[in-house]
C-alpha atoms as a PDB file:
ATOM      1  CA  UNK A   1       0.000   0.000   0.000  1.00  0.00           C
ATOM      2  CA  UNK A   2       1.262   3.488  -0.801  1.00  0.00           C
ATOM      3  CA  UNK A   3       0.301   6.965   0.357  1.00  0.00           C
ATOM      4  CA  UNK A   4      -0.287   9.671  -2.213  1.00  0.00           C
ATOM      5  CA  UNK A   5       0.638  13.138  -0.917  1.00  0.00           C
ATOM      6  CA  UNK A   6      -0.194  16.142  -3.083  1.00  0.00           C
ATOM      7  CA  UNK A   7       1.421  19.437  -2.148  1.00  0.00           C
ATOM      8  CA  UNK A   8       0.233  22.815  -3.463  1.00  0.00           C
ATOM      9  CA  UNK A   9       2.575  22.703  -6.469  1.00  0.00           C
ATOM     10  CA  UNK A  10       1.366  19.221  -7.469  1.00  0.00           C
ATOM     11  CA  UNK A  11      -2.290  20.250  -7.242  1.00  0.00           C
ATOM     12  CA  UNK A  12      -1.664  23.476  -9.191  1.00  0.00           C
ATOM     13  CA  UNK A  13       0.003  21.462 -11.948  1.00  0.00           C
ATOM     14  CA  UNK A  14      -2.978  19.170 -12.495  1.00  0.00           C
ATOM     15  CA  UNK A  15      -5.321  19.729 -15.425  1.00  0.00           C
ATOM     16  CA  UNK A  16      -8.558  19.237 -13.523  1.00  0.00           C
ATOM     17  CA  UNK A  17     -11.829  19.629 -15.415  1.00  0.00           C
ATOM     18  CA  UNK A  18     -13.947  21.686 -12.996  1.00  0.00           C
ATOM     19  CA  UNK A  19     -17.230  20.304 -14.362  1.00  0.00           C
ATOM     20  CA  UNK A  20     -15.997  16.749 -13.883  1.00  0.00           C
ATOM     21  CA  UNK A  21     -14.810  17.599 -10.364  1.00  0.00           C
ATOM     22  CA  UNK A  22     -18.219  19.103  -9.489  1.00  0.00           C
ATOM     23  CA  UNK A  23     -20.013  16.007 -10.789  1.00  0.00           C
ATOM     24  CA  UNK A  24     -17.694  13.781  -8.737  1.00  0.00           C
ATOM     25  CA  UNK A  25     -18.479  15.773  -5.575  1.00  0.00           C
ATOM     26  CA  UNK A  26     -22.218  15.608  -6.281  1.00  0.00           C
ATOM     27  CA  UNK A  27     -22.013  11.841  -6.860  1.00  0.00           C
ATOM     28  CA  UNK A  28     -20.016  11.419  -3.642  1.00  0.00           C
ATOM     29  CA  UNK A  29     -22.736  13.151  -1.624  1.00  0.00           C
ATOM     30  CA  UNK A  30     -25.404  11.055  -3.373  1.00  0.00           C
ATOM     31  CA  UNK A  31     -23.451   7.865  -2.562  1.00  0.00           C
ATOM     32  CA  UNK A  32     -23.220   8.992   1.063  1.00  0.00           C
ATOM     33  CA  UNK A  33     -26.991   9.533   1.114  1.00  0.00           C
ATOM     34  CA  UNK A  34     -27.515   6.025  -0.324  1.00  0.00           C
ATOM     35  CA  UNK A  35     -25.223   4.536   2.350  1.00  0.00           C
ATOM     36  CA  UNK A  36     -22.537   3.590  -0.187  1.00  0.00           C
ATOM     37  CA  UNK A  37     -19.952   5.979   1.257  1.00  0.00           C
ATOM     38  CA  UNK A  38     -19.019   6.749   4.851  1.00  0.00           C
ATOM     39  CA  UNK A  39     -17.357   9.606   6.675  1.00  0.00           C
ATOM     40  CA  UNK A  40     -16.551  10.425  10.267  1.00  0.00           C
ATOM     41  CA  UNK A  41     -16.714  13.769  12.077  1.00  0.00           C
ATOM     42  CA  UNK A  42     -13.617  15.936  12.193  1.00  0.00           C
ATOM     43  CA  UNK A  43     -11.289  15.027  15.033  1.00  0.00           C
ATOM     44  CA  UNK A  44      -9.005  17.655  16.598  1.00  0.00           C
ATOM     45  CA  UNK A  45      -6.157  17.629  19.082  1.00  0.00           C
ATOM     46  CA  UNK A  46      -4.523  20.731  20.531  1.00  0.00           C
ATOM     47  CA  UNK A  47      -0.832  20.173  21.222  1.00  0.00           C
ATOM     48  CA  UNK A  48      -0.160  23.687  22.588  1.00  0.00           C
ATOM     49  CA  UNK A  49      -2.124  26.937  22.771  1.00  0.00           C
ATOM     50  CA  UNK A  50      -2.973  27.824  19.174  1.00  0.00           C
ATOM     51  CA  UNK A  51      -1.254  24.700  17.781  1.00  0.00           C
ATOM     52  CA  UNK A  52      -3.606  21.963  16.688  1.00  0.00           C
ATOM     53  CA  UNK A  53      -4.091  19.138  14.254  1.00  0.00           C
ATOM     54  CA  UNK A  54      -7.347  18.065  12.620  1.00  0.00           C
ATOM     55  CA  UNK A  55      -8.208  14.988  10.609  1.00  0.00           C
ATOM     56  CA  UNK A  56     -11.186  13.713   8.643  1.00  0.00           C
ATOM     57  CA  UNK A  57     -11.634  10.316   6.994  1.00  0.00           C
ATOM     58  CA  UNK A  58     -14.037   9.012   4.365  1.00  0.00           C
ATOM     59  CA  UNK A  59     -14.479   5.814   2.354  1.00  0.00           C
ATOM     60  CA  UNK A  60     -16.344   4.656  -0.718  1.00  0.00           C
ATOM     61  CA  UNK A  61     -17.021   0.949  -1.033  1.00  0.00           C
ATOM     62  CA  UNK A  62     -18.314   1.427  -4.584  1.00  0.00           C
ATOM     63  CA  UNK A  63     -15.042   3.055  -5.669  1.00  0.00           C
ATOM     64  CA  UNK A  64     -12.785   1.027  -3.369  1.00  0.00           C
ATOM     65  CA  UNK A  65     -11.255   4.208  -1.933  1.00  0.00           C
ATOM     66  CA  UNK A  66     -10.400   5.545   1.505  1.00  0.00           C
ATOM     67  CA  UNK A  67      -9.119   9.094   1.998  1.00  0.00           C
ATOM     68  CA  UNK A  68      -7.954  11.183   4.907  1.00  0.00           C
ATOM     69  CA  UNK A  69      -7.470  14.925   5.248  1.00  0.00           C
ATOM     70  CA  UNK A  70      -4.842  16.033   7.763  1.00  0.00           C
ATOM     71  CA  UNK A  71      -4.371  19.671   8.707  1.00  0.00           C
ATOM     72  CA  UNK A  72      -1.875  21.299  11.064  1.00  0.00           C
ATOM     73  CA  UNK A  73      -2.377  24.853  12.329  1.00  0.00           C
ATOM     74  CA  UNK A  74      -0.101  27.179  14.281  1.00  0.00           C
ATOM     75  CA  UNK A  75      -0.003  30.940  14.869  1.00  0.00           C
ATOM     76  CA  UNK A  76       1.851  32.837  12.153  1.00  0.00           C
ATOM     77  CA  UNK A  77       5.046  34.468  13.423  1.00  0.00           C
ATOM     78  CA  UNK A  78       4.219  37.869  14.835  1.00  0.00           C
ATOM     79  CA  UNK A  79       0.818  38.180  13.164  1.00  0.00           C
ATOM     80  CA  UNK A  80      -1.412  36.673  15.824  1.00  0.00           C
ATOM     81  CA  UNK A  81      -3.275  34.818  13.033  1.00  0.00           C
ATOM     82  CA  UNK A  82      -3.296  31.166  12.093  1.00  0.00           C
ATOM     83  CA  UNK A  83      -0.638  29.598   9.892  1.00  0.00           C
ATOM     84  CA  UNK A  84      -2.084  26.579   8.103  1.00  0.00           C
ATOM     85  CA  UNK A  85       0.505  23.951   7.129  1.00  0.00           C
END
């Protein structure tokens, strides 16, 4: 089994048909409604004040896929805002 990681440059370099992407999202929600796809609520853990990680997971039996979204957040240096990694 391998893990596919797409950074911002890899995603920007893809030739994604927006109409096809929209239809895929619509079909994914329809599959979820039919019980053919599953997802779990977002899970978060704070490791220090303002520093946290969040994850979400979903699966589609019909497509034979499982995906996870992992997000790390920390305050931006000197700005007081969030820095999303």
